Structure formats: C-alpha cells, structure tokens
Amino acid sequence: MLFRSASSSFSRHVICSIRNKACACRAEEVNIAWVKNITLFDNLIECGDSLGVLLVPQINLSKKCIGSTLRYLTYLCARSLFLDAGMNDFVPKPIDVKDLITKVKKWLPDDKIMENDGTEADPGSEYGTDENWIRCEGLDVETAVRALGSTALYDKIASEYYRSGAEKHDGIMAAYANEDWNDYTIRVHALKSSSRQIGAMELGSMAETMEKAGKAGDIDAIRAGNSQTMVKFLKLLSDLSEYYGVEEDDSDKSPIEAEVLGGMLDELAAACDDLDMDGMESVSDRLKQYSYDEDVRPVIDDLLKAIGDMDTDACMEIADKLR
C-alpha cells in the first residue's frame, strides 16, 4: 500500500482499505480509497480515464479528492481531466511517495497533522547506506529506496512482496490455465506495479508486455512470454527468501495467555473498525512475540496473513474463532 509511507503522525487519518469497483462499460478494476478527510482515486484500466468523471458525482464532494491515472496519458492532459471532473489535486504515475505525502498534507485539515516530537523518524530522511540494502540480481534497490523515502519502508514493502509472491504467482498461472485473459491482465498489471516498486524493473517490463498483450487480445504473445515472465518472478522470490523466508523460532517465546490474546483481539477489532493500519500492524507484531498450541498456530497464521492483507472482514472472522 503506497499510503504506508506517510509518517504515522498523520497516516492514521488517511489510511484506509481499498475497495474494488467495477466499470459499467468494462468489468475491470479501479481502486478507490475512502478516507476520513480525503478521497483518493487510483485508475488501473484503459478506459479508467473517463471513470474518474463517472464516479465523481457519486462521492461526497465535501471531502477533498486526489486522483492518479495511467502513465501513458500526458501529465497536463490527465491533470486537467481530473481537475475538470471536480477533484482537488492530481498525482501522476509512477507514484512518487513524497509527492503523494505532500498532496495529502496540503489537503488535510490542520488539526489532523501533528508535529513530529522526535520519537518518530522522518521516513523521507532514512535512506540508510547501501550496506544495509538487500542484494538480489535484477533489483535496483537504491532507486526504489529513494522513490519510497526510506530503507525501512522499502524493507516492509519488499517483505510483503515476498510474503504474497507465491499466491500472486499461483493466481496468474490459474488465470492463464483457465484462459481467463481479463483476470490474467489484471493480475500481471499488479505484478508489474509491485515489481517496479521494489526495483525489479526488468520483471516489471516483462509483466507490462504481458499486460499489453492481454489488453490487445494477443493470446499468442501471452503464450510466448508468460513462461519466461513467471520463471523470472520465481527466481526473484527465491532470491528474496534469503532475506524474508527465514521461519521464526518459537522455542524461546512464552506461551500466550488467554487474557492477553483476548485483549489483543479486542484491540484488533477496534483497529479494523477504524481502518487503523498502524493499530492492526501493532497487534500483528505483538502476536508474533508469543508461542501457540499446535491447534491454534494455523489460525494465528491465518490471522497474521489477514492483517498483512489488510483484510478487515477476514480479521474479524478469524478473531471470532480464537475467542
């Protein structure tokens, strides 16, 4: 989630879940982030340039609206389109996190922005040194870190990329096997974006080629390039496993007490209600500090995955199983 880059002093006011909406003319996706004070539109589709116009009358325009759109539109054209549709600002793709944070700060009410008291590091100044960066073939970590704003944020995003990688790969391959080219195109689009975000530019370009083939209905091109793209993807996941694939040792951890677990589940429920990602991640971090009975461990793993996916509905359902 690109909004995680915002410093936590104001991120809780802009973080929210992403809801997928369908375009009436084509069953493809647009991301809309409903926040307490700002509405963010993220267009993912070829016809999405008009989608911003279509959806603007459906939202509460008392909120500030920020749009982003596809890279192939010129900046001035895209910006004009969104502003003419009634939005307040525009962030071009590829997203520059610092630009996004600047725009969010610009439109947030003053009472929602709190000065850093020194206890929270400024993510924009935490580049670290190249000695601290992961080293994998095909990763331009330096460029990705500077685009995201901090080494810590890069590490979190790369960790999530690895964690969700197998599921993402299987989803692409299932769409390919089922010849569901619409779903395939959406999934390789996501692979393109997430790969570029961590600096896997060659893989991102390969995924983009598959995406363009899907949009053009060029099935021969998909069949010719899919295998090579997936091999590249799996190789990257294998390389990342050296950094993010180490299983935690629970032997030195204390067994969790029912009262402690119940308290954390209550905190998680409140965080899910408020769409508070910081709160959800805090619960996740503390859950990882304990050991669990064999029959409970799989449920905890499912809960940690749901928190990582920011799937509030799944979090609530799994939490009910643990009570």
C-alpha atoms as a PDB file:
ATOM      1  CA  MET A   1       0.000   0.000   0.000  1.00  0.00           C
ATOM      2  CA  LEU A   2       1.669   3.187  -1.038  1.00  0.00           C
ATOM      3  CA  PHE A   3      -0.010   5.149   1.762  1.00  0.00           C
ATOM      4  CA  ARG A   4       2.182   3.387   4.330  1.00  0.00           C
ATOM      5  CA  SER A   5       4.952   5.812   3.506  1.00  0.00           C
ATOM      6  CA  ALA A   6       3.150   8.586   5.307  1.00  0.00           C
ATOM      7  CA  SER A   7       4.630   9.270   8.716  1.00  0.00           C
ATOM      8  CA  SER A   8       2.500   7.652  11.389  1.00  0.00           C
ATOM      9  CA  SER A   9       1.838  11.060  12.952  1.00  0.00           C
ATOM     10  CA  PHE A  10      -0.823  11.611  10.315  1.00  0.00           C
ATOM     11  CA  SER A  11      -1.085   8.320   8.401  1.00  0.00           C
ATOM     12  CA  ARG A  12      -3.875   7.008  10.604  1.00  0.00           C
ATOM     13  CA  HIS A  13      -6.036   9.797   9.213  1.00  0.00           C
ATOM     14  CA  VAL A  14      -5.530   8.793   5.594  1.00  0.00           C
ATOM     15  CA  ILE A  15      -5.001   5.025   5.643  1.00  0.00           C
ATOM     16  CA  CYS A  16      -7.992   3.006   4.651  1.00  0.00           C
ATOM     17  CA  SER A  17      -8.989  -0.156   2.892  1.00  0.00           C
ATOM     18  CA  ILE A  18      -9.115  -0.345  -0.882  1.00  0.00           C
ATOM     19  CA  ARG A  19     -12.478  -1.202  -2.339  1.00  0.00           C
ATOM     20  CA  ASN A  20     -12.733  -2.532  -5.872  1.00  0.00           C
ATOM     21  CA  LYS A  21     -15.422  -1.036  -8.060  1.00  0.00           C
ATOM     22  CA  ALA A  22     -16.432  -2.262 -11.487  1.00  0.00           C
ATOM     23  CA  CYS A  23     -16.607  -0.023 -14.527  1.00  0.00           C
ATOM     24  CA  ALA A  24     -20.045  -0.218 -16.091  1.00  0.00           C
ATOM     25  CA  CYS A  25     -18.625  -0.407 -19.607  1.00  0.00           C
ATOM     26  CA  ARG A  26     -15.901  -2.969 -18.821  1.00  0.00           C
ATOM     27  CA  ALA A  27     -15.632  -5.329 -15.856  1.00  0.00           C
ATOM     28  CA  GLU A  28     -12.166  -4.168 -14.889  1.00  0.00           C
ATOM     29  CA  GLU A  29     -10.901  -2.554 -11.736  1.00  0.00           C
ATOM     30  CA  VAL A  30     -10.499   0.890 -10.265  1.00  0.00           C
ATOM     31  CA  ASN A  31      -9.198   1.430  -6.772  1.00  0.00           C
ATOM     32  CA  ILE A  32     -10.974   3.938  -4.596  1.00  0.00           C
ATOM     33  CA  ALA A  33      -9.591   4.746  -1.174  1.00  0.00           C
ATOM     34  CA  TRP A  34     -12.276   6.097   1.125  1.00  0.00           C
ATOM     35  CA  VAL A  35     -10.627   8.088   3.903  1.00  0.00           C
ATOM     36  CA  LYS A  36     -11.896  10.256   6.729  1.00  0.00           C
ATOM     37  CA  ASN A  37     -10.908  13.547   5.132  1.00  0.00           C
ATOM     38  CA  ILE A  38      -9.651  12.749   1.628  1.00  0.00           C
ATOM     39  CA  THR A  39     -10.892  10.567  -1.223  1.00  0.00           C
ATOM     40  CA  LEU A  40      -8.145   9.021  -3.386  1.00  0.00           C
ATOM     41  CA  PHE A  41      -8.855   7.594  -6.837  1.00  0.00           C
ATOM     42  CA  ASP A  42      -6.417   5.182  -8.467  1.00  0.00           C
ATOM     43  CA  ASN A  43      -7.302   4.273 -12.046  1.00  0.00           C
ATOM     44  CA  LEU A  44      -5.954   0.929 -13.222  1.00  0.00           C
ATOM     45  CA  ILE A  45      -7.710   0.414 -16.502  1.00  0.00           C
ATOM     46  CA  GLU A  46      -7.535   1.556 -20.083  1.00  0.00           C
ATOM     47  CA  CYS A  47     -10.963   3.152 -20.001  1.00  0.00           C
ATOM     48  CA  GLY A  48     -10.330   4.450 -16.483  1.00  0.00           C
ATOM     49  CA  ASP A  49      -9.585   7.980 -17.689  1.00  0.00           C
ATOM     50  CA  SER A  50     -13.316   8.602 -18.007  1.00  0.00           C
ATOM     51  CA  LEU A  51     -14.083   6.589 -14.903  1.00  0.00           C
ATOM     52  CA  GLY A  52     -12.937   9.390 -12.641  1.00  0.00           C
ATOM     53  CA  VAL A  53     -15.527  11.618 -14.274  1.00  0.00           C
ATOM     54  CA  LEU A  54     -18.230   8.967 -13.943  1.00  0.00           C
ATOM     55  CA  LEU A  55     -17.638   8.386 -10.260  1.00  0.00           C
ATOM     56  CA  VAL A  56     -17.140  11.936  -9.044  1.00  0.00           C
ATOM     57  CA  PRO A  57     -20.884  12.689  -8.720  1.00  0.00           C
ATOM     58  CA  GLN A  58     -21.258   9.564  -6.559  1.00  0.00           C
ATOM     59  CA  ILE A  59     -18.873  10.694  -3.830  1.00  0.00           C
ATOM     60  CA  ASN A  60     -19.174  13.226  -1.068  1.00  0.00           C
ATOM     61  CA  LEU A  61     -17.532  16.293  -2.567  1.00  0.00           C
ATOM     62  CA  SER A  62     -17.254  17.886   0.858  1.00  0.00           C
ATOM     63  CA  LYS A  63     -14.159  15.705   1.072  1.00  0.00           C
ATOM     64  CA  LYS A  64     -11.000  16.626  -0.803  1.00  0.00           C
ATOM     65  CA  CYS A  65     -10.293  14.431  -3.826  1.00  0.00           C
ATOM     66  CA  ILE A  66      -6.939  13.394  -5.226  1.00  0.00           C
ATOM     67  CA  GLY A  67      -6.682  11.342  -8.422  1.00  0.00           C
ATOM     68  CA  SER A  68      -3.962   9.325 -10.138  1.00  0.00           C
ATOM     69  CA  THR A  69      -4.042   7.746 -13.568  1.00  0.00           C
ATOM     70  CA  LEU A  70      -2.106   5.748 -16.125  1.00  0.00           C
ATOM     71  CA  ARG A  71       1.347   6.759 -17.235  1.00  0.00           C
ATOM     72  CA  TYR A  72       0.599   6.868 -20.947  1.00  0.00           C
ATOM     73  CA  LEU A  73      -1.544   9.981 -20.540  1.00  0.00           C
ATOM     74  CA  THR A  74       0.432  13.198 -20.623  1.00  0.00           C
ATOM     75  CA  TYR A  75       0.685  14.891 -17.241  1.00  0.00           C
ATOM     76  CA  LEU A  76      -1.213  18.009 -18.333  1.00  0.00           C
ATOM     77  CA  CYS A  77      -3.977  16.010 -20.031  1.00  0.00           C
ATOM     78  CA  ALA A  78      -4.521  13.717 -17.049  1.00  0.00           C
ATOM     79  CA  ARG A  79      -4.320  16.542 -14.535  1.00  0.00           C
ATOM     80  CA  SER A  80      -6.818  18.625 -16.493  1.00  0.00           C
ATOM     81  CA  LEU A  81      -9.193  15.682 -16.812  1.00  0.00           C
ATOM     82  CA  PHE A  82      -9.279  15.030 -13.074  1.00  0.00           C
ATOM     83  CA  LEU A  83      -9.442  18.666 -12.015  1.00  0.00           C
ATOM     84  CA  ASP A  84     -12.204  19.378 -14.532  1.00  0.00           C
ATOM     85  CA  ALA A  85     -14.106  16.449 -13.019  1.00  0.00           C
ATOM     86  CA  GLY A  86     -14.171  18.233  -9.682  1.00  0.00           C
ATOM     87  CA  MET A  87     -11.130  16.776  -7.944  1.00  0.00           C
ATOM     88  CA  ASN A  88      -8.839  18.988  -5.916  1.00  0.00           C
ATOM     89  CA  ASP A  89      -5.449  17.629  -6.941  1.00  0.00           C
ATOM     90  CA  PHE A  90      -3.582  15.077  -9.006  1.00  0.00           C
ATOM     91  CA  VAL A  91      -0.613  12.720  -8.545  1.00  0.00           C
ATOM     92  CA  PRO A  92       0.827  11.216 -11.764  1.00  0.00           C
ATOM     93  CA  LYS A  93       2.044   7.650 -12.129  1.00  0.00           C
ATOM     94  CA  PRO A  94       4.511   6.225 -11.416  1.00  0.00           C
ATOM     95  CA  ILE A  95       3.659   7.429  -7.929  1.00  0.00           C
ATOM     96  CA  ASP A  96       6.353   9.436  -6.157  1.00  0.00           C
ATOM     97  CA  VAL A  97       5.596   8.813  -2.499  1.00  0.00           C
ATOM     98  CA  LYS A  98       6.988  12.159  -1.397  1.00  0.00           C
ATOM     99  CA  ASP A  99       4.697  13.886  -3.897  1.00  0.00           C
ATOM    100  CA  LEU A 100       1.719  11.928  -2.573  1.00  0.00           C
ATOM    101  CA  ILE A 101       2.559  12.809   1.035  1.00  0.00           C
ATOM    102  CA  THR A 102       2.920  16.474   0.092  1.00  0.00           C
ATOM    103  CA  LYS A 103      -0.515  16.470  -1.565  1.00  0.00           C
ATOM    104  CA  VAL A 104      -2.129  14.656   1.369  1.00  0.00           C
ATOM    105  CA  LYS A 105      -0.641  17.152   3.827  1.00  0.00           C
ATOM    106  CA  LYS A 106      -1.826  20.010   1.619  1.00  0.00           C
ATOM    107  CA  TRP A 107      -5.463  18.959   1.796  1.00  0.00           C
ATOM    108  CA  LEU A 108      -5.696  17.511   5.293  1.00  0.00           C
ATOM    109  CA  PRO A 109      -7.241  19.799   7.927  1.00  0.00           C
ATOM    110  CA  ASP A 110      -4.580  21.377  10.125  1.00  0.00           C
ATOM    111  CA  ASP A 111      -5.850  19.571  13.218  1.00  0.00           C
ATOM    112  CA  LYS A 112      -5.098  16.212  11.566  1.00  0.00           C
ATOM    113  CA  ILE A 113      -1.377  16.955  11.167  1.00  0.00           C
ATOM    114  CA  MET A 114       0.765  16.675  14.276  1.00  0.00           C
ATOM    115  CA  GLU A 115       4.351  17.814  14.514  1.00  0.00           C
ATOM    116  CA  ASN A 116       6.963  15.113  14.956  1.00  0.00           C
ATOM    117  CA  ASP A 117       8.061  15.218  18.583  1.00  0.00           C
ATOM    118  CA  GLY A 118      11.294  13.437  17.796  1.00  0.00           C
ATOM    119  CA  THR A 119      10.117   9.968  18.765  1.00  0.00           C
ATOM    120  CA  GLU A 120       9.184   9.150  15.169  1.00  0.00           C
ATOM    121  CA  ALA A 121      11.792   9.220  12.468  1.00  0.00           C
ATOM    122  CA  ASP A 122      11.106  11.143   9.293  1.00  0.00           C
ATOM    123  CA  PRO A 123      10.793   8.491   6.560  1.00  0.00           C
ATOM    124  CA  GLY A 124      11.974  10.955   3.968  1.00  0.00           C
ATOM    125  CA  SER A 125      15.432  11.123   5.545  1.00  0.00           C
ATOM    126  CA  GLU A 126      16.004   7.436   6.266  1.00  0.00           C
ATOM    127  CA  TYR A 127      17.839   6.269   3.172  1.00  0.00           C
ATOM    128  CA  GLY A 128      20.436   4.400   5.182  1.00  0.00           C
ATOM    129  CA  THR A 129      23.549   3.098   3.457  1.00  0.00           C
ATOM    130  CA  ASP A 130      23.895   0.606   0.671  1.00  0.00           C
ATOM    131  CA  GLU A 131      25.474  -1.759   3.201  1.00  0.00           C
ATOM    132  CA  ASN A 132      22.003  -2.179   4.722  1.00  0.00           C
ATOM    133  CA  TRP A 133      20.212  -2.838   1.426  1.00  0.00           C
ATOM    134  CA  ILE A 134      19.313  -6.304   0.241  1.00  0.00           C
ATOM    135  CA  ARG A 135      21.228  -7.536  -2.778  1.00  0.00           C
ATOM    136  CA  CYS A 136      19.393  -9.570  -5.385  1.00  0.00           C
ATOM    137  CA  GLU A 137      20.091  -9.920  -9.080  1.00  0.00           C
ATOM    138  CA  GLY A 138      17.853  -7.610 -11.075  1.00  0.00           C
ATOM    139  CA  LEU A 139      16.896  -5.325  -8.164  1.00  0.00           C
ATOM    140  CA  ASP A 140      17.664  -1.602  -8.353  1.00  0.00           C
ATOM    141  CA  VAL A 141      17.301  -1.119  -4.617  1.00  0.00           C
ATOM    142  CA  GLU A 142      18.854   2.335  -4.477  1.00  0.00           C
ATOM    143  CA  THR A 143      16.355   3.878  -6.897  1.00  0.00           C
ATOM    144  CA  ALA A 144      13.435   2.147  -5.167  1.00  0.00           C
ATOM    145  CA  VAL A 145      14.535   3.269  -1.699  1.00  0.00           C
ATOM    146  CA  ARG A 146      14.867   6.867  -2.789  1.00  0.00           C
ATOM    147  CA  ALA A 147      11.481   6.802  -4.511  1.00  0.00           C
ATOM    148  CA  LEU A 148       9.798   5.357  -1.418  1.00  0.00           C
ATOM    149  CA  GLY A 149      11.571   7.645   1.010  1.00  0.00           C
ATOM    150  CA  SER A 150      13.178   5.256   3.479  1.00  0.00           C
ATOM    151  CA  THR A 151      15.017   1.985   3.807  1.00  0.00           C
ATOM    152  CA  ALA A 152      12.549   0.853   6.471  1.00  0.00           C
ATOM    153  CA  LEU A 153       9.580   1.352   4.161  1.00  0.00           C
ATOM    154  CA  TYR A 154      11.350  -0.436   1.314  1.00  0.00           C
ATOM    155  CA  ASP A 155      12.078  -3.368   3.598  1.00  0.00           C
ATOM    156  CA  LYS A 156       8.434  -3.573   4.635  1.00  0.00           C
ATOM    157  CA  ILE A 157       7.188  -3.477   1.035  1.00  0.00           C
ATOM    158  CA  ALA A 158       9.789  -5.987  -0.178  1.00  0.00           C
ATOM    159  CA  SER A 159       8.848  -8.295   2.702  1.00  0.00           C
ATOM    160  CA  GLU A 160       5.182  -8.092   1.704  1.00  0.00           C
ATOM    161  CA  TYR A 161       6.141  -8.693  -1.941  1.00  0.00           C
ATOM    162  CA  TYR A 162       7.859 -11.904  -0.896  1.00  0.00           C
ATOM    163  CA  ARG A 163       5.105 -12.966   1.506  1.00  0.00           C
ATOM    164  CA  SER A 164       2.381 -12.641  -1.113  1.00  0.00           C
ATOM    165  CA  GLY A 165       4.537 -13.782  -4.027  1.00  0.00           C
ATOM    166  CA  ALA A 166       3.546 -17.445  -4.170  1.00  0.00           C
ATOM    167  CA  GLU A 167      -0.147 -16.592  -4.031  1.00  0.00           C
ATOM    168  CA  LYS A 168       0.307 -13.946  -6.723  1.00  0.00           C
ATOM    169  CA  HIS A 169       2.179 -16.424  -8.942  1.00  0.00           C
ATOM    170  CA  ASP A 170      -0.473 -19.102  -8.484  1.00  0.00           C
ATOM    171  CA  GLY A 171      -3.226 -16.603  -9.305  1.00  0.00           C
ATOM    172  CA  ILE A 172      -1.548 -15.618 -12.560  1.00  0.00           C
ATOM    173  CA  MET A 173      -0.978 -19.231 -13.537  1.00  0.00           C
ATOM    174  CA  ALA A 174      -4.571 -20.180 -12.689  1.00  0.00           C
ATOM    175  CA  ALA A 175      -5.909 -17.370 -14.887  1.00  0.00           C
ATOM    176  CA  TYR A 176      -3.533 -18.489 -17.650  1.00  0.00           C
ATOM    177  CA  ALA A 177      -4.598 -22.145 -17.375  1.00  0.00           C
ATOM    178  CA  ASN A 178      -8.288 -21.188 -17.351  1.00  0.00           C
ATOM    179  CA  GLU A 179      -7.740 -18.819 -20.304  1.00  0.00           C
ATOM    180  CA  ASP A 180      -9.369 -16.052 -18.286  1.00  0.00           C
ATOM    181  CA  TRP A 181      -7.491 -13.321 -20.091  1.00  0.00           C
ATOM    182  CA  ASN A 182      -9.309 -10.473 -18.373  1.00  0.00           C
ATOM    183  CA  ASP A 183      -8.280 -11.760 -14.950  1.00  0.00           C
ATOM    184  CA  TYR A 184      -4.803 -12.553 -16.267  1.00  0.00           C
ATOM    185  CA  THR A 185      -4.358  -8.979 -17.478  1.00  0.00           C
ATOM    186  CA  ILE A 186      -5.396  -7.545 -14.110  1.00  0.00           C
ATOM    187  CA  ARG A 187      -3.012  -9.844 -12.255  1.00  0.00           C
ATOM    188  CA  VAL A 188       0.042  -9.142 -14.413  1.00  0.00           C
ATOM    189  CA  HIS A 189      -0.733  -5.433 -14.092  1.00  0.00           C
ATOM    190  CA  ALA A 190      -0.434  -5.842 -10.327  1.00  0.00           C
ATOM    191  CA  LEU A 191       2.818  -7.779 -10.759  1.00  0.00           C
ATOM    192  CA  LYS A 192       4.177  -5.011 -12.966  1.00  0.00           C
ATOM    193  CA  SER A 193       3.432  -2.298 -10.421  1.00  0.00           C
ATOM    194  CA  SER A 194       4.620  -4.155  -7.325  1.00  0.00           C
ATOM    195  CA  SER A 195       7.809  -5.350  -9.043  1.00  0.00           C
ATOM    196  CA  ARG A 196       8.762  -1.861 -10.112  1.00  0.00           C
ATOM    197  CA  GLN A 197       8.061  -0.571  -6.624  1.00  0.00           C
ATOM    198  CA  ILE A 198      10.818  -2.782  -5.181  1.00  0.00           C
ATOM    199  CA  GLY A 199      13.194  -2.059  -8.066  1.00  0.00           C
ATOM    200  CA  ALA A 200      12.645  -5.205 -10.176  1.00  0.00           C
ATOM    201  CA  MET A 201      12.478  -3.146 -13.345  1.00  0.00           C
ATOM    202  CA  GLU A 202      13.155  -5.915 -15.878  1.00  0.00           C
ATOM    203  CA  LEU A 203      10.458  -8.134 -14.372  1.00  0.00           C
ATOM    204  CA  GLY A 204       8.137  -5.126 -14.325  1.00  0.00           C
ATOM    205  CA  SER A 205       8.746  -4.582 -18.039  1.00  0.00           C
ATOM    206  CA  MET A 206       8.115  -8.247 -18.795  1.00  0.00           C
ATOM    207  CA  ALA A 207       4.842  -8.111 -16.870  1.00  0.00           C
ATOM    208  CA  GLU A 208       3.905  -4.923 -18.716  1.00  0.00           C
ATOM    209  CA  THR A 209       4.436  -6.711 -22.037  1.00  0.00           C
ATOM    210  CA  MET A 210       2.019  -9.431 -20.871  1.00  0.00           C
ATOM    211  CA  GLU A 211      -0.444  -6.791 -19.706  1.00  0.00           C
ATOM    212  CA  LYS A 212      -0.377  -5.026 -23.074  1.00  0.00           C
ATOM    213  CA  ALA A 213      -0.863  -8.346 -24.844  1.00  0.00           C
ATOM    214  CA  GLY A 214      -3.861  -9.074 -22.640  1.00  0.00           C
ATOM    215  CA  LYS A 215      -5.426  -5.702 -23.370  1.00  0.00           C
ATOM    216  CA  ALA A 216      -4.850  -6.197 -27.096  1.00  0.00           C
ATOM    217  CA  GLY A 217      -6.248  -9.719 -27.020  1.00  0.00           C
ATOM    218  CA  ASP A 218      -2.939 -11.040 -28.371  1.00  0.00           C
ATOM    219  CA  ILE A 219      -3.115 -14.531 -26.881  1.00  0.00           C
ATOM    220  CA  ASP A 220      -0.162 -15.779 -28.932  1.00  0.00           C
ATOM    221  CA  ALA A 221       2.046 -13.131 -27.352  1.00  0.00           C
ATOM    222  CA  ILE A 222       0.844 -14.153 -23.885  1.00  0.00           C
ATOM    223  CA  ARG A 223       1.590 -17.805 -24.573  1.00  0.00           C
ATOM    224  CA  ALA A 224       5.032 -16.882 -25.909  1.00  0.00           C
ATOM    225  CA  GLY A 225       6.017 -14.714 -22.960  1.00  0.00           C
ATOM    226  CA  ASN A 226       4.196 -15.971 -19.882  1.00  0.00           C
ATOM    227  CA  SER A 227       6.569 -18.827 -19.030  1.00  0.00           C
ATOM    228  CA  GLN A 228       9.680 -16.646 -19.176  1.00  0.00           C
ATOM    229  CA  THR A 229       7.984 -13.973 -17.063  1.00  0.00           C
ATOM    230  CA  MET A 230       6.958 -16.471 -14.396  1.00  0.00           C
ATOM    231  CA  VAL A 231      10.430 -18.046 -14.310  1.00  0.00           C
ATOM    232  CA  LYS A 232      11.858 -14.573 -13.705  1.00  0.00           C
ATOM    233  CA  PHE A 233       9.288 -13.968 -10.963  1.00  0.00           C
ATOM    234  CA  LEU A 234      10.031 -17.263  -9.198  1.00  0.00           C
ATOM    235  CA  LYS A 235      13.776 -16.600  -9.400  1.00  0.00           C
ATOM    236  CA  LEU A 236      13.285 -13.262  -7.671  1.00  0.00           C
ATOM    237  CA  LEU A 237      11.150 -14.850  -4.954  1.00  0.00           C
ATOM    238  CA  SER A 238      13.839 -17.475  -4.422  1.00  0.00           C
ATOM    239  CA  ASP A 239      16.486 -14.762  -4.065  1.00  0.00           C
ATOM    240  CA  LEU A 240      14.308 -12.775  -1.657  1.00  0.00           C
ATOM    241  CA  SER A 241      13.814 -15.855   0.524  1.00  0.00           C
ATOM    242  CA  GLU A 242      17.366 -15.374   1.802  1.00  0.00           C
ATOM    243  CA  TYR A 243      16.170 -12.163   3.452  1.00  0.00           C
ATOM    244  CA  TYR A 244      12.495 -12.739   4.155  1.00  0.00           C
ATOM    245  CA  GLY A 245      11.971 -16.501   4.107  1.00  0.00           C
ATOM    246  CA  VAL A 246      13.536 -17.372   7.461  1.00  0.00           C
ATOM    247  CA  GLU A 247      10.988 -19.052   9.711  1.00  0.00           C
ATOM    248  CA  GLU A 248      10.750 -17.687  13.224  1.00  0.00           C
ATOM    249  CA  ASP A 249      11.857 -19.918  16.098  1.00  0.00           C
ATOM    250  CA  ASP A 250       9.129 -20.090  18.732  1.00  0.00           C
ATOM    251  CA  SER A 251      11.178 -22.171  21.167  1.00  0.00           C
ATOM    252  CA  ASP A 252      12.281 -19.180  23.228  1.00  0.00           C
ATOM    253  CA  LYS A 253       8.882 -17.471  23.192  1.00  0.00           C
ATOM    254  CA  SER A 254       6.444 -17.542  26.073  1.00  0.00           C
ATOM    255  CA  PRO A 255       3.064 -19.229  25.547  1.00  0.00           C
ATOM    256  CA  ILE A 256       0.351 -16.644  25.187  1.00  0.00           C
ATOM    257  CA  GLU A 257      -2.221 -16.379  27.959  1.00  0.00           C
ATOM    258  CA  ALA A 258      -5.913 -16.346  27.080  1.00  0.00           C
ATOM    259  CA  GLU A 259      -6.416 -12.941  28.700  1.00  0.00           C
ATOM    260  CA  VAL A 260      -3.542 -11.409  26.735  1.00  0.00           C
ATOM    261  CA  LEU A 261      -4.799 -12.888  23.461  1.00  0.00           C
ATOM    262  CA  GLY A 262      -8.332 -11.675  24.178  1.00  0.00           C
ATOM    263  CA  GLY A 263      -7.063  -8.154  24.817  1.00  0.00           C
ATOM    264  CA  MET A 264      -5.146  -8.078  21.547  1.00  0.00           C
ATOM    265  CA  LEU A 265      -8.163  -9.370  19.659  1.00  0.00           C
ATOM    266  CA  ASP A 266     -10.228  -6.535  21.138  1.00  0.00           C
ATOM    267  CA  GLU A 267      -7.571  -4.050  20.011  1.00  0.00           C
ATOM    268  CA  LEU A 268      -7.601  -5.585  16.555  1.00  0.00           C
ATOM    269  CA  ALA A 269     -11.387  -5.301  16.332  1.00  0.00           C
ATOM    270  CA  ALA A 270     -11.210  -1.603  17.223  1.00  0.00           C
ATOM    271  CA  ALA A 271      -8.403  -1.035  14.694  1.00  0.00           C
ATOM    272  CA  CYS A 272     -10.413  -2.804  11.974  1.00  0.00           C
ATOM    273  CA  ASP A 273     -13.462  -0.652  12.744  1.00  0.00           C
ATOM    274  CA  ASP A 274     -11.343   2.498  12.424  1.00  0.00           C
ATOM    275  CA  LEU A 275      -9.401   1.182   9.390  1.00  0.00           C
ATOM    276  CA  ASP A 276      -6.304   1.880  11.502  1.00  0.00           C
ATOM    277  CA  MET A 277      -3.417   0.128   9.751  1.00  0.00           C
ATOM    278  CA  ASP A 278      -0.925   1.202  12.388  1.00  0.00           C
ATOM    279  CA  GLY A 279      -3.081  -0.379  15.067  1.00  0.00           C
ATOM    280  CA  MET A 280      -3.512  -3.587  13.076  1.00  0.00           C
ATOM    281  CA  GLU A 281       0.224  -3.883  12.482  1.00  0.00           C
ATOM    282  CA  SER A 282       0.901  -3.253  16.173  1.00  0.00           C
ATOM    283  CA  VAL A 283      -1.305  -6.214  17.084  1.00  0.00           C
ATOM    284  CA  SER A 284       0.417  -8.346  14.450  1.00  0.00           C
ATOM    285  CA  ASP A 285       3.872  -7.501  15.811  1.00  0.00           C
ATOM    286  CA  ARG A 286       2.834  -8.418  19.358  1.00  0.00           C
ATOM    287  CA  LEU A 287       1.147 -11.656  18.311  1.00  0.00           C
ATOM    288  CA  LYS A 288       4.459 -12.752  16.803  1.00  0.00           C
ATOM    289  CA  GLN A 289       6.154 -12.435  20.193  1.00  0.00           C
ATOM    290  CA  TYR A 290       4.353 -15.479  21.641  1.00  0.00           C
ATOM    291  CA  SER A 291       4.193 -19.216  21.031  1.00  0.00           C
ATOM    292  CA  TYR A 292       0.929 -21.108  20.446  1.00  0.00           C
ATOM    293  CA  ASP A 293      -0.506 -24.583  20.811  1.00  0.00           C
ATOM    294  CA  GLU A 294      -0.343 -26.718  17.685  1.00  0.00           C
ATOM    295  CA  ASP A 295      -4.094 -26.477  17.094  1.00  0.00           C
ATOM    296  CA  VAL A 296      -4.066 -22.687  17.467  1.00  0.00           C
ATOM    297  CA  ARG A 297      -0.915 -21.924  15.453  1.00  0.00           C
ATOM    298  CA  PRO A 298      -2.562 -22.341  11.996  1.00  0.00           C
ATOM    299  CA  VAL A 299      -5.382 -19.982  13.000  1.00  0.00           C
ATOM    300  CA  ILE A 300      -2.864 -17.402  14.212  1.00  0.00           C
ATOM    301  CA  ASP A 301      -1.005 -17.721  10.911  1.00  0.00           C
ATOM    302  CA  ASP A 302      -4.263 -17.092   9.049  1.00  0.00           C
ATOM    303  CA  LEU A 303      -4.888 -14.036  11.222  1.00  0.00           C
ATOM    304  CA  LEU A 304      -1.406 -12.662  10.589  1.00  0.00           C
ATOM    305  CA  LYS A 305      -1.934 -13.122   6.853  1.00  0.00           C
ATOM    306  CA  ALA A 306      -5.294 -11.333   7.010  1.00  0.00           C
ATOM    307  CA  ILE A 307      -3.663  -8.444   8.874  1.00  0.00           C
ATOM    308  CA  GLY A 308      -0.871  -8.338   6.288  1.00  0.00           C
ATOM    309  CA  ASP A 309      -3.506  -8.188   3.544  1.00  0.00           C
ATOM    310  CA  MET A 310      -5.399  -5.501   5.486  1.00  0.00           C
ATOM    311  CA  ASP A 311      -8.495  -7.667   5.061  1.00  0.00           C
ATOM    312  CA  THR A 312     -10.614  -6.380   7.918  1.00  0.00           C
ATOM    313  CA  ASP A 313     -13.512  -8.772   7.293  1.00  0.00           C
ATOM    314  CA  ALA A 314     -11.223 -11.804   7.409  1.00  0.00           C
ATOM    315  CA  CYS A 315      -9.536 -10.435  10.530  1.00  0.00           C
ATOM    316  CA  MET A 316     -12.871 -10.225  12.340  1.00  0.00           C
ATOM    317  CA  GLU A 317     -13.952 -13.696  11.244  1.00  0.00           C
ATOM    318  CA  ILE A 318     -10.685 -15.315  12.322  1.00  0.00           C
ATOM    319  CA  ALA A 319     -10.618 -13.389  15.579  1.00  0.00           C
ATOM    320  CA  ASP A 320     -14.062 -14.799  16.424  1.00  0.00           C
ATOM    321  CA  LYS A 321     -12.633 -18.312  16.026  1.00  0.00           C
ATOM    322  CA  LEU A 322      -9.959 -17.533  18.601  1.00  0.00           C
ATOM    323  CA  ARG A 323     -12.272 -16.154  21.267  1.00  0.00           C
END
